[in-house]
PDB file of N, CA and C in Angstrom:
ATOM      1  N   UNK A   1     -45.159  32.659 -27.930  1.00  0.00           N
ATOM      2  CA  UNK A   1     -45.394  31.916 -28.766  1.00  0.00           C
ATOM      3  C   UNK A   1     -46.726  31.234 -28.899  1.00  0.00           C
ATOM      4  N   UNK A   2     -46.872  31.257 -29.867  1.00  0.00           N
ATOM      5  CA  UNK A   2     -48.490  30.766 -30.088  1.00  0.00           C
ATOM      6  C   UNK A   2     -48.699  29.440 -30.752  1.00  0.00           C
ATOM      7  N   UNK A   3     -49.324  28.851 -29.959  1.00  0.00           N
ATOM      8  CA  UNK A   3     -49.544  27.255 -30.097  1.00  0.00           C
ATOM      9  C   UNK A   3     -50.662  27.167 -31.292  1.00  0.00           C
ATOM     10  N   UNK A   4     -50.349  25.825 -32.285  1.00  0.00           N
ATOM     11  CA  UNK A   4     -51.299  26.308 -33.412  1.00  0.00           C
ATOM     12  C   UNK A   4     -52.021  24.866 -33.177  1.00  0.00           C
ATOM     13  N   UNK A   5     -52.993  24.680 -32.796  1.00  0.00           N
ATOM     14  CA  UNK A   5     -53.918  23.571 -32.750  1.00  0.00           C
ATOM     15  C   UNK A   5     -54.640  22.496 -34.201  1.00  0.00           C
ATOM     16  N   UNK A   6     -54.144  21.275 -34.610  1.00  0.00           N
ATOM     17  CA  UNK A   6     -54.590  20.872 -35.620  1.00  0.00           C
ATOM     18  C   UNK A   6     -55.291  19.633 -35.174  1.00  0.00           C
ATOM     19  N   UNK A   7     -56.772  19.688 -35.733  1.00  0.00           N
ATOM     20  CA  UNK A   7     -57.639  18.700 -35.794  1.00  0.00           C
ATOM     21  C   UNK A   7     -57.728  17.759 -37.032  1.00  0.00           C
ATOM     22  N   UNK A   8     -57.285  16.365 -36.745  1.00  0.00           N
ATOM     23  CA  UNK A   8     -57.629  15.336 -38.024  1.00  0.00           C
ATOM     24  C   UNK A   8     -59.045  14.858 -37.961  1.00  0.00           C
ATOM     25  N   UNK A   9     -60.360  15.310 -38.376  1.00  0.00           N
ATOM     26  CA  UNK A   9     -61.418  14.458 -38.321  1.00  0.00           C
ATOM     27  C   UNK A   9     -61.268  13.688 -39.687  1.00  0.00           C
ATOM     28  N   UNK A  10     -61.959  12.471 -39.012  1.00  0.00           N
ATOM     29  CA  UNK A  10     -62.235  11.537 -39.942  1.00  0.00           C
ATOM     30  C   UNK A  10     -64.103  10.745 -40.082  1.00  0.00           C
ATOM     31  N   UNK A  11     -64.252  10.193 -40.969  1.00  0.00           N
ATOM     32  CA  UNK A  11     -65.424  10.039 -41.095  1.00  0.00           C
ATOM     33  C   UNK A  11     -65.658   8.746 -41.950  1.00  0.00           C
ATOM     34  N   UNK A  12     -66.105   7.594 -41.195  1.00  0.00           N
ATOM     35  CA  UNK A  12     -66.156   6.476 -41.886  1.00  0.00           C
ATOM     36  C   UNK A  12     -67.990   6.637 -42.073  1.00  0.00           C
ATOM     37  N   UNK A  13     -67.776   5.570 -43.317  1.00  0.00           N
ATOM     38  CA  UNK A  13     -69.451   5.576 -43.603  1.00  0.00           C
ATOM     39  C   UNK A  13     -69.455   3.914 -44.132  1.00  0.00           C
ATOM     40  N   UNK A  14     -70.289   3.506 -43.437  1.00  0.00           N
ATOM     41  CA  UNK A  14     -70.760   1.985 -43.422  1.00  0.00           C
ATOM     42  C   UNK A  14     -72.016   1.415 -44.063  1.00  0.00           C
ATOM     43  N   UNK A  15     -72.454   0.707 -44.813  1.00  0.00           N
ATOM     44  CA  UNK A  15     -73.600   0.385 -45.424  1.00  0.00           C
ATOM     45  C   UNK A  15     -73.959  -0.880 -45.194  1.00  0.00           C
ATOM     46  N   UNK A  16     -74.967  -0.904 -44.753  1.00  0.00           N
ATOM     47  CA  UNK A  16     -75.106  -2.251 -44.318  1.00  0.00           C
ATOM     48  C   UNK A  16     -75.742  -3.324 -45.642  1.00  0.00           C
ATOM     49  N   UNK A  17     -75.691  -4.208 -45.955  1.00  0.00           N
ATOM     50  CA  UNK A  17     -75.941  -5.131 -46.830  1.00  0.00           C
ATOM     51  C   UNK A  17     -77.109  -5.324 -47.268  1.00  0.00           C
ATOM     52  N   UNK A  18     -77.576  -5.177 -48.440  1.00  0.00           N
ATOM     53  CA  UNK A  18     -78.569  -5.064 -48.903  1.00  0.00           C
ATOM     54  C   UNK A  18     -79.418  -6.673 -49.618  1.00  0.00           C
ATOM     55  N   UNK A  19     -80.425  -6.962 -49.488  1.00  0.00           N
ATOM     56  CA  UNK A  19     -81.017  -8.633 -50.248  1.00  0.00           C
ATOM     57  C   UNK A  19     -82.092  -8.182 -50.844  1.00  0.00           C
ATOM     58  N   UNK A  20     -82.154  -8.727 -52.310  1.00  0.00           N
ATOM     59  CA  UNK A  20     -83.436  -8.449 -52.772  1.00  0.00           C
ATOM     60  C   UNK A  20     -84.241  -9.863 -52.637  1.00  0.00           C
ATOM     61  N   UNK A  21     -85.771  -9.614 -52.397  1.00  0.00           N
ATOM     62  CA  UNK A  21     -86.326 -10.578 -52.247  1.00  0.00           C
ATOM     63  C   UNK A  21     -87.999 -10.562 -53.205  1.00  0.00           C
ATOM     64  N   UNK A  22     -88.353 -11.787 -53.199  1.00  0.00           N
ATOM     65  CA  UNK A  22     -89.189 -11.356 -53.467  1.00  0.00           C
ATOM     66  C   UNK A  22     -90.674 -12.247 -52.982  1.00  0.00           C
ATOM     67  N   UNK A  23     -91.807 -11.426 -53.658  1.00  0.00           N
ATOM     68  CA  UNK A  23     -92.742 -11.689 -52.188  1.00  0.00           C
ATOM     69  C   UNK A  23     -94.204 -11.786 -53.725  1.00  0.00           C
ATOM     70  N   UNK A  24     -95.300 -12.078 -53.099  1.00  0.00           N
ATOM     71  CA  UNK A  24     -96.733 -11.617 -53.760  1.00  0.00           C
ATOM     72  C   UNK A  24     -97.559 -10.481 -53.519  1.00  0.00           C
ATOM     73  N   UNK A  25     -97.906 -10.495 -54.726  1.00  0.00           N
ATOM     74  CA  UNK A  25     -98.360  -9.216 -55.006  1.00  0.00           C
ATOM     75  C   UNK A  25     -99.427  -9.293 -53.769  1.00  0.00           C
ATOM     76  N   UNK A  26     -99.941  -9.710 -53.360  1.00  0.00           N
ATOM     77  CA  UNK A  26    -101.057  -9.447 -52.438  1.00  0.00           C
ATOM     78  C   UNK A  26    -100.389  -9.261 -50.903  1.00  0.00           C
ATOM     79  N   UNK A  27     -99.124  -9.981 -50.862  1.00  0.00           N
ATOM     80  CA  UNK A  27     -98.142  -9.311 -49.555  1.00  0.00           C
ATOM     81  C   UNK A  27     -97.613  -8.012 -49.548  1.00  0.00           C
ATOM     82  N   UNK A  28     -97.593  -7.847 -51.032  1.00  0.00           N
ATOM     83  CA  UNK A  28     -97.052  -6.423 -50.708  1.00  0.00           C
ATOM     84  C   UNK A  28     -98.062  -5.437 -50.547  1.00  0.00           C
ATOM     85  N   UNK A  29     -99.282  -5.754 -51.098  1.00  0.00           N
ATOM     86  CA  UNK A  29     -99.979  -5.211 -50.948  1.00  0.00           C
ATOM     87  C   UNK A  29    -100.420  -4.881 -49.367  1.00  0.00           C
ATOM     88  N   UNK A  30    -100.331  -5.584 -48.596  1.00  0.00           N
ATOM     89  CA  UNK A  30    -100.491  -5.929 -47.060  1.00  0.00           C
ATOM     90  C   UNK A  30     -99.453  -5.296 -46.686  1.00  0.00           C
ATOM     91  N   UNK A  31     -98.255  -5.071 -47.203  1.00  0.00           N
ATOM     92  CA  UNK A  31     -97.311  -4.320 -46.950  1.00  0.00           C
ATOM     93  C   UNK A  31     -97.384  -2.910 -46.482  1.00  0.00           C
ATOM     94  N   UNK A  32     -97.896  -2.533 -47.690  1.00  0.00           N
ATOM     95  CA  UNK A  32     -98.503  -0.665 -48.183  1.00  0.00           C
ATOM     96  C   UNK A  32     -99.079  -0.682 -47.229  1.00  0.00           C
ATOM     97  N   UNK A  33    -100.196  -1.436 -46.782  1.00  0.00           N
ATOM     98  CA  UNK A  33    -101.508  -0.795 -46.175  1.00  0.00           C
ATOM     99  C   UNK A  33    -100.854  -0.555 -44.195  1.00  0.00           C
ATOM    100  N   UNK A  34    -100.035  -1.449 -44.214  1.00  0.00           N
ATOM    101  CA  UNK A  34     -99.170  -1.381 -42.717  1.00  0.00           C
ATOM    102  C   UNK A  34     -98.126  -0.272 -42.322  1.00  0.00           C
ATOM    103  N   UNK A  35     -97.801   0.407 -43.520  1.00  0.00           N
ATOM    104  CA  UNK A  35     -96.606   1.066 -43.808  1.00  0.00           C
ATOM    105  C   UNK A  35     -96.678   2.432 -42.905  1.00  0.00           C
ATOM    106  N   UNK A  36     -96.136   3.149 -42.098  1.00  0.00           N
ATOM    107  CA  UNK A  36     -95.978   4.370 -41.299  1.00  0.00           C
ATOM    108  C   UNK A  36     -95.329   5.232 -42.406  1.00  0.00           C
ATOM    109  N   UNK A  37     -96.357   6.500 -42.617  1.00  0.00           N
ATOM    110  CA  UNK A  37     -95.840   7.318 -43.202  1.00  0.00           C
ATOM    111  C   UNK A  37     -93.853   7.780 -42.907  1.00  0.00           C
ATOM    112  N   UNK A  38     -93.048   7.656 -44.245  1.00  0.00           N
ATOM    113  CA  UNK A  38     -91.776   7.907 -43.866  1.00  0.00           C
ATOM    114  C   UNK A  38     -91.630   7.132 -43.764  1.00  0.00           C
ATOM    115  N   UNK A  39     -91.659   5.545 -43.749  1.00  0.00           N
ATOM    116  CA  UNK A  39     -90.978   4.161 -43.009  1.00  0.00           C
ATOM    117  C   UNK A  39     -90.699   3.677 -44.349  1.00  0.00           C
ATOM    118  N   UNK A  40     -89.405   2.893 -43.803  1.00  0.00           N
ATOM    119  CA  UNK A  40     -88.999   2.141 -45.240  1.00  0.00           C
ATOM    120  C   UNK A  40     -89.133   0.584 -45.352  1.00  0.00           C
ATOM    121  N   UNK A  41     -89.090   0.050 -46.131  1.00  0.00           N
ATOM    122  CA  UNK A  41     -89.779  -1.070 -46.197  1.00  0.00           C
ATOM    123  C   UNK A  41     -88.538  -1.658 -44.525  1.00  0.00           C
ATOM    124  N   UNK A  42     -87.735  -1.721 -44.861  1.00  0.00           N
ATOM    125  CA  UNK A  42     -86.527  -2.529 -43.988  1.00  0.00           C
ATOM    126  C   UNK A  42     -86.775  -2.152 -42.731  1.00  0.00           C
ATOM    127  N   UNK A  43     -86.984  -0.527 -42.545  1.00  0.00           N
ATOM    128  CA  UNK A  43     -87.749  -0.542 -41.126  1.00  0.00           C
ATOM    129  C   UNK A  43     -88.799  -0.844 -40.697  1.00  0.00           C
ATOM    130  N   UNK A  44     -89.798  -0.989 -41.830  1.00  0.00           N
ATOM    131  CA  UNK A  44     -91.462  -1.694 -41.649  1.00  0.00           C
ATOM    132  C   UNK A  44     -91.196  -3.131 -41.745  1.00  0.00           C
ATOM    133  N   UNK A  45     -90.528  -3.741 -41.794  1.00  0.00           N
ATOM    134  CA  UNK A  45     -90.078  -5.646 -41.402  1.00  0.00           C
ATOM    135  C   UNK A  45     -89.114  -5.818 -40.426  1.00  0.00           C
ATOM    136  N   UNK A  46     -88.816  -4.902 -40.001  1.00  0.00           N
ATOM    137  CA  UNK A  46     -87.538  -5.048 -38.714  1.00  0.00           C
ATOM    138  C   UNK A  46     -89.003  -4.525 -37.355  1.00  0.00           C
ATOM    139  N   UNK A  47     -89.487  -3.643 -37.480  1.00  0.00           N
ATOM    140  CA  UNK A  47     -90.547  -3.385 -36.623  1.00  0.00           C
ATOM    141  C   UNK A  47     -91.793  -4.375 -36.837  1.00  0.00           C
ATOM    142  N   UNK A  48     -92.512  -5.059 -37.782  1.00  0.00           N
ATOM    143  CA  UNK A  48     -93.409  -5.887 -37.265  1.00  0.00           C
ATOM    144  C   UNK A  48     -92.895  -7.474 -36.984  1.00  0.00           C
ATOM    145  N   UNK A  49     -91.561  -7.767 -37.103  1.00  0.00           N
ATOM    146  CA  UNK A  49     -91.048  -8.694 -36.785  1.00  0.00           C
ATOM    147  C   UNK A  49     -90.303  -8.733 -35.502  1.00  0.00           C
ATOM    148  N   UNK A  50     -90.194  -7.804 -34.733  1.00  0.00           N
ATOM    149  CA  UNK A  50     -89.853  -7.613 -33.399  1.00  0.00           C
ATOM    150  C   UNK A  50     -90.883  -7.027 -32.467  1.00  0.00           C
ATOM    151  N   UNK A  51     -92.088  -7.372 -32.964  1.00  0.00           N
ATOM    152  CA  UNK A  51     -93.155  -7.069 -31.939  1.00  0.00           C
ATOM    153  C   UNK A  51     -93.143  -8.068 -31.017  1.00  0.00           C
ATOM    154  N   UNK A  52     -93.454  -7.378 -29.355  1.00  0.00           N
ATOM    155  CA  UNK A  52     -93.536  -8.184 -28.353  1.00  0.00           C
ATOM    156  C   UNK A  52     -94.905  -9.170 -28.567  1.00  0.00           C
ATOM    157  N   UNK A  53     -94.964 -10.107 -28.293  1.00  0.00           N
ATOM    158  CA  UNK A  53     -96.362 -10.729 -28.028  1.00  0.00           C
ATOM    159  C   UNK A  53     -96.607 -11.839 -27.024  1.00  0.00           C
ATOM    160  N   UNK A  54     -95.886 -11.393 -25.814  1.00  0.00           N
ATOM    161  CA  UNK A  54     -95.829 -12.156 -24.601  1.00  0.00           C
ATOM    162  C   UNK A  54     -97.320 -11.691 -24.250  1.00  0.00           C
ATOM    163  N   UNK A  55     -97.323 -12.531 -23.483  1.00  0.00           N
ATOM    164  CA  UNK A  55     -99.163 -12.736 -22.547  1.00  0.00           C
ATOM    165  C   UNK A  55     -99.267 -11.396 -21.823  1.00  0.00           C
ATOM    166  N   UNK A  56     -98.402 -10.634 -21.355  1.00  0.00           N
ATOM    167  CA  UNK A  56     -98.570  -9.536 -20.592  1.00  0.00           C
ATOM    168  C   UNK A  56     -99.303  -8.523 -21.511  1.00  0.00           C
ATOM    169  N   UNK A  57     -98.840  -8.362 -22.747  1.00  0.00           N
ATOM    170  CA  UNK A  57     -99.122  -6.924 -23.508  1.00  0.00           C
ATOM    171  C   UNK A  57    -100.473  -7.289 -23.571  1.00  0.00           C
ATOM    172  N   UNK A  58    -101.483  -8.251 -23.264  1.00  0.00           N
ATOM    173  CA  UNK A  58    -102.829  -8.612 -23.189  1.00  0.00           C
ATOM    174  C   UNK A  58    -103.383  -7.860 -21.937  1.00  0.00           C
ATOM    175  N   UNK A  59    -102.706  -7.823 -20.977  1.00  0.00           N
ATOM    176  CA  UNK A  59    -103.012  -7.517 -19.968  1.00  0.00           C
ATOM    177  C   UNK A  59    -104.107  -6.359 -19.648  1.00  0.00           C
ATOM    178  N   UNK A  60    -105.084  -6.328 -19.283  1.00  0.00           N
ATOM    179  CA  UNK A  60    -105.890  -5.273 -19.204  1.00  0.00           C
ATOM    180  C   UNK A  60    -107.073  -5.078 -20.411  1.00  0.00           C
ATOM    181  N   UNK A  61    -106.439  -5.868 -21.481  1.00  0.00           N
ATOM    182  CA  UNK A  61    -107.302  -5.452 -22.771  1.00  0.00           C
ATOM    183  C   UNK A  61    -108.809  -5.180 -22.452  1.00  0.00           C
ATOM    184  N   UNK A  62    -109.192  -6.354 -21.565  1.00  0.00           N
ATOM    185  CA  UNK A  62    -111.099  -6.478 -21.259  1.00  0.00           C
ATOM    186  C   UNK A  62    -111.309  -5.707 -20.474  1.00  0.00           C
ATOM    187  N   UNK A  63    -110.606  -4.867 -19.646  1.00  0.00           N
ATOM    188  CA  UNK A  63    -111.212  -4.064 -18.106  1.00  0.00           C
ATOM    189  C   UNK A  63    -111.961  -2.867 -18.482  1.00  0.00           C
ATOM    190  N   UNK A  64    -112.463  -2.998 -19.818  1.00  0.00           N
ATOM    191  CA  UNK A  64    -113.751  -1.994 -20.013  1.00  0.00           C
ATOM    192  C   UNK A  64    -115.250  -2.788 -20.034  1.00  0.00           C
ATOM    193  N   UNK A  65    -115.262  -4.143 -19.682  1.00  0.00           N
ATOM    194  CA  UNK A  65    -116.047  -5.050 -20.324  1.00  0.00           C
ATOM    195  C   UNK A  65    -116.944  -4.903 -19.249  1.00  0.00           C
ATOM    196  N   UNK A  66    -118.439  -5.168 -19.507  1.00  0.00           N
ATOM    197  CA  UNK A  66    -119.448  -5.606 -18.012  1.00  0.00           C
ATOM    198  C   UNK A  66    -118.995  -6.759 -17.534  1.00  0.00           C
ATOM    199  N   UNK A  67    -119.289  -7.020 -15.893  1.00  0.00           N
ATOM    200  CA  UNK A  67    -119.519  -8.125 -15.345  1.00  0.00           C
ATOM    201  C   UNK A  67    -120.282  -9.126 -16.412  1.00  0.00           C
ATOM    202  N   UNK A  68    -121.660  -8.456 -16.621  1.00  0.00           N
ATOM    203  CA  UNK A  68    -122.234  -9.619 -17.644  1.00  0.00           C
ATOM    204  C   UNK A  68    -121.441  -9.956 -18.817  1.00  0.00           C
ATOM    205  N   UNK A  69    -121.081  -9.097 -19.489  1.00  0.00           N
ATOM    206  CA  UNK A  69    -120.503  -9.293 -20.630  1.00  0.00           C
ATOM    207  C   UNK A  69    -119.056 -10.431 -20.748  1.00  0.00           C
ATOM    208  N   UNK A  70    -118.686 -10.890 -19.057  1.00  0.00           N
ATOM    209  CA  UNK A  70    -117.773 -11.245 -18.752  1.00  0.00           C
ATOM    210  C   UNK A  70    -118.143 -12.547 -18.280  1.00  0.00           C
ATOM    211  N   UNK A  71    -118.933 -12.880 -17.627  1.00  0.00           N
ATOM    212  CA  UNK A  71    -119.920 -14.110 -17.409  1.00  0.00           C
ATOM    213  C   UNK A  71    -120.250 -14.699 -18.833  1.00  0.00           C
ATOM    214  N   UNK A  72    -120.995 -13.880 -19.294  1.00  0.00           N
ATOM    215  CA  UNK A  72    -121.337 -14.377 -21.059  1.00  0.00           C
ATOM    216  C   UNK A  72    -120.497 -15.655 -21.663  1.00  0.00           C
ATOM    217  N   UNK A  73    -118.836 -14.600 -21.944  1.00  0.00           N
ATOM    218  CA  UNK A  73    -117.495 -14.843 -22.649  1.00  0.00           C
ATOM    219  C   UNK A  73    -117.041 -16.528 -21.607  1.00  0.00           C
ATOM    220  N   UNK A  74    -117.090 -16.388 -20.547  1.00  0.00           N
ATOM    221  CA  UNK A  74    -116.765 -17.411 -19.414  1.00  0.00           C
ATOM    222  C   UNK A  74    -117.692 -18.384 -19.684  1.00  0.00           C
ATOM    223  N   UNK A  75    -118.864 -18.346 -19.936  1.00  0.00           N
ATOM    224  CA  UNK A  75    -119.804 -19.700 -19.973  1.00  0.00           C
ATOM    225  C   UNK A  75    -119.215 -19.775 -21.632  1.00  0.00           C
ATOM    226  N   UNK A  76    -118.855 -19.201 -22.581  1.00  0.00           N
ATOM    227  CA  UNK A  76    -119.048 -19.818 -23.775  1.00  0.00           C
ATOM    228  C   UNK A  76    -117.913 -20.647 -23.976  1.00  0.00           C
ATOM    229  N   UNK A  77    -116.812 -20.059 -23.367  1.00  0.00           N
ATOM    230  CA  UNK A  77    -115.605 -20.481 -22.796  1.00  0.00           C
ATOM    231  C   UNK A  77    -115.424 -22.059 -22.538  1.00  0.00           C
ATOM    232  N   UNK A  78    -116.555 -22.169 -21.579  1.00  0.00           N
ATOM    233  CA  UNK A  78    -116.610 -23.041 -20.613  1.00  0.00           C
ATOM    234  C   UNK A  78    -117.637 -24.472 -21.642  1.00  0.00           C
ATOM    235  N   UNK A  79    -118.344 -23.651 -22.220  1.00  0.00           N
ATOM    236  CA  UNK A  79    -118.825 -24.803 -23.081  1.00  0.00           C
ATOM    237  C   UNK A  79    -118.517 -24.945 -24.510  1.00  0.00           C
ATOM    238  N   UNK A  80    -117.415 -24.692 -24.765  1.00  0.00           N
ATOM    239  CA  UNK A  80    -116.629 -25.059 -25.817  1.00  0.00           C
ATOM    240  C   UNK A  80    -115.527 -26.248 -25.526  1.00  0.00           C
ATOM    241  N   UNK A  81    -115.057 -25.717 -24.080  1.00  0.00           N
ATOM    242  CA  UNK A  81    -114.034 -26.973 -23.272  1.00  0.00           C
ATOM    243  C   UNK A  81    -115.085 -27.980 -23.706  1.00  0.00           C
ATOM    244  N   UNK A  82    -116.130 -28.068 -22.940  1.00  0.00           N
ATOM    245  CA  UNK A  82    -117.231 -29.286 -23.075  1.00  0.00           C
ATOM    246  C   UNK A  82    -117.044 -29.972 -24.412  1.00  0.00           C
ATOM    247  N   UNK A  83    -116.945 -29.329 -25.700  1.00  0.00           N
ATOM    248  CA  UNK A  83    -116.667 -29.562 -26.687  1.00  0.00           C
ATOM    249  C   UNK A  83    -118.469 -29.640 -27.632  1.00  0.00           C
ATOM    250  N   UNK A  84    -119.021 -28.911 -26.800  1.00  0.00           N
ATOM    251  CA  UNK A  84    -120.282 -28.287 -27.613  1.00  0.00           C
ATOM    252  C   UNK A  84    -120.037 -27.698 -29.291  1.00  0.00           C
ATOM    253  N   UNK A  85    -120.895 -27.872 -30.051  1.00  0.00           N
ATOM    254  CA  UNK A  85    -121.015 -27.328 -31.499  1.00  0.00           C
ATOM    255  C   UNK A  85    -121.328 -25.746 -31.530  1.00  0.00           C
ATOM    256  N   UNK A  86    -120.220 -25.617 -32.458  1.00  0.00           N
ATOM    257  CA  UNK A  86    -120.621 -23.973 -32.566  1.00  0.00           C
ATOM    258  C   UNK A  86    -121.680 -23.611 -32.743  1.00  0.00           C
ATOM    259  N   UNK A  87    -122.797 -23.553 -33.310  1.00  0.00           N
ATOM    260  CA  UNK A  87    -124.068 -23.213 -33.323  1.00  0.00           C
ATOM    261  C   UNK A  87    -124.214 -22.911 -32.053  1.00  0.00           C
ATOM    262  N   UNK A  88    -124.465 -23.810 -30.888  1.00  0.00           N
ATOM    263  CA  UNK A  88    -124.983 -23.681 -29.584  1.00  0.00           C
ATOM    264  C   UNK A  88    -123.949 -22.162 -29.100  1.00  0.00           C
ATOM    265  N   UNK A  89    -122.943 -22.693 -29.481  1.00  0.00           N
ATOM    266  CA  UNK A  89    -122.093 -21.151 -28.972  1.00  0.00           C
ATOM    267  C   UNK A  89    -122.025 -19.632 -29.195  1.00  0.00           C
ATOM    268  N   UNK A  90    -122.532 -19.689 -30.736  1.00  0.00           N
ATOM    269  CA  UNK A  90    -123.269 -18.666 -31.242  1.00  0.00           C
ATOM    270  C   UNK A  90    -124.228 -18.482 -30.737  1.00  0.00           C
ATOM    271  N   UNK A  91    -125.553 -19.241 -30.529  1.00  0.00           N
ATOM    272  CA  UNK A  91    -126.803 -19.261 -30.262  1.00  0.00           C
ATOM    273  C   UNK A  91    -126.369 -18.420 -28.605  1.00  0.00           C
ATOM    274  N   UNK A  92    -125.861 -19.293 -27.582  1.00  0.00           N
ATOM    275  CA  UNK A  92    -125.787 -18.536 -26.587  1.00  0.00           C
ATOM    276  C   UNK A  92    -124.992 -17.050 -26.330  1.00  0.00           C
ATOM    277  N   UNK A  93    -124.198 -16.696 -27.351  1.00  0.00           N
ATOM    278  CA  UNK A  93    -123.682 -15.610 -27.303  1.00  0.00           C
ATOM    279  C   UNK A  93    -124.609 -14.184 -27.761  1.00  0.00           C
ATOM    280  N   UNK A  94    -125.937 -15.077 -28.829  1.00  0.00           N
ATOM    281  CA  UNK A  94    -126.991 -13.969 -29.156  1.00  0.00           C
ATOM    282  C   UNK A  94    -127.845 -13.674 -27.734  1.00  0.00           C
ATOM    283  N   UNK A  95    -127.888 -14.587 -26.961  1.00  0.00           N
ATOM    284  CA  UNK A  95    -128.947 -14.116 -25.869  1.00  0.00           C
ATOM    285  C   UNK A  95    -128.591 -13.270 -24.779  1.00  0.00           C
TER     286      UNK A  95
END
């Protein structure tokens, strides 16, 4: 006796809701400039609003600067904390 197998396949398609928003032309142009090829605006906005901006993201960011450059930056930061004027800080950075 031959057994016949029958399969019932179902497909459910769900579509997420959409919203229409208004943005300034300048903002639209910025979004276009940041867009990755093939990326939808929804995907782009999701990517941009999901960025991790924790402090550890910057770990090692200045690992390639020289000790001299690092010392100069620390001095500028110290001067800024003492309430020095911007011109003095800029002058120090130029030295």
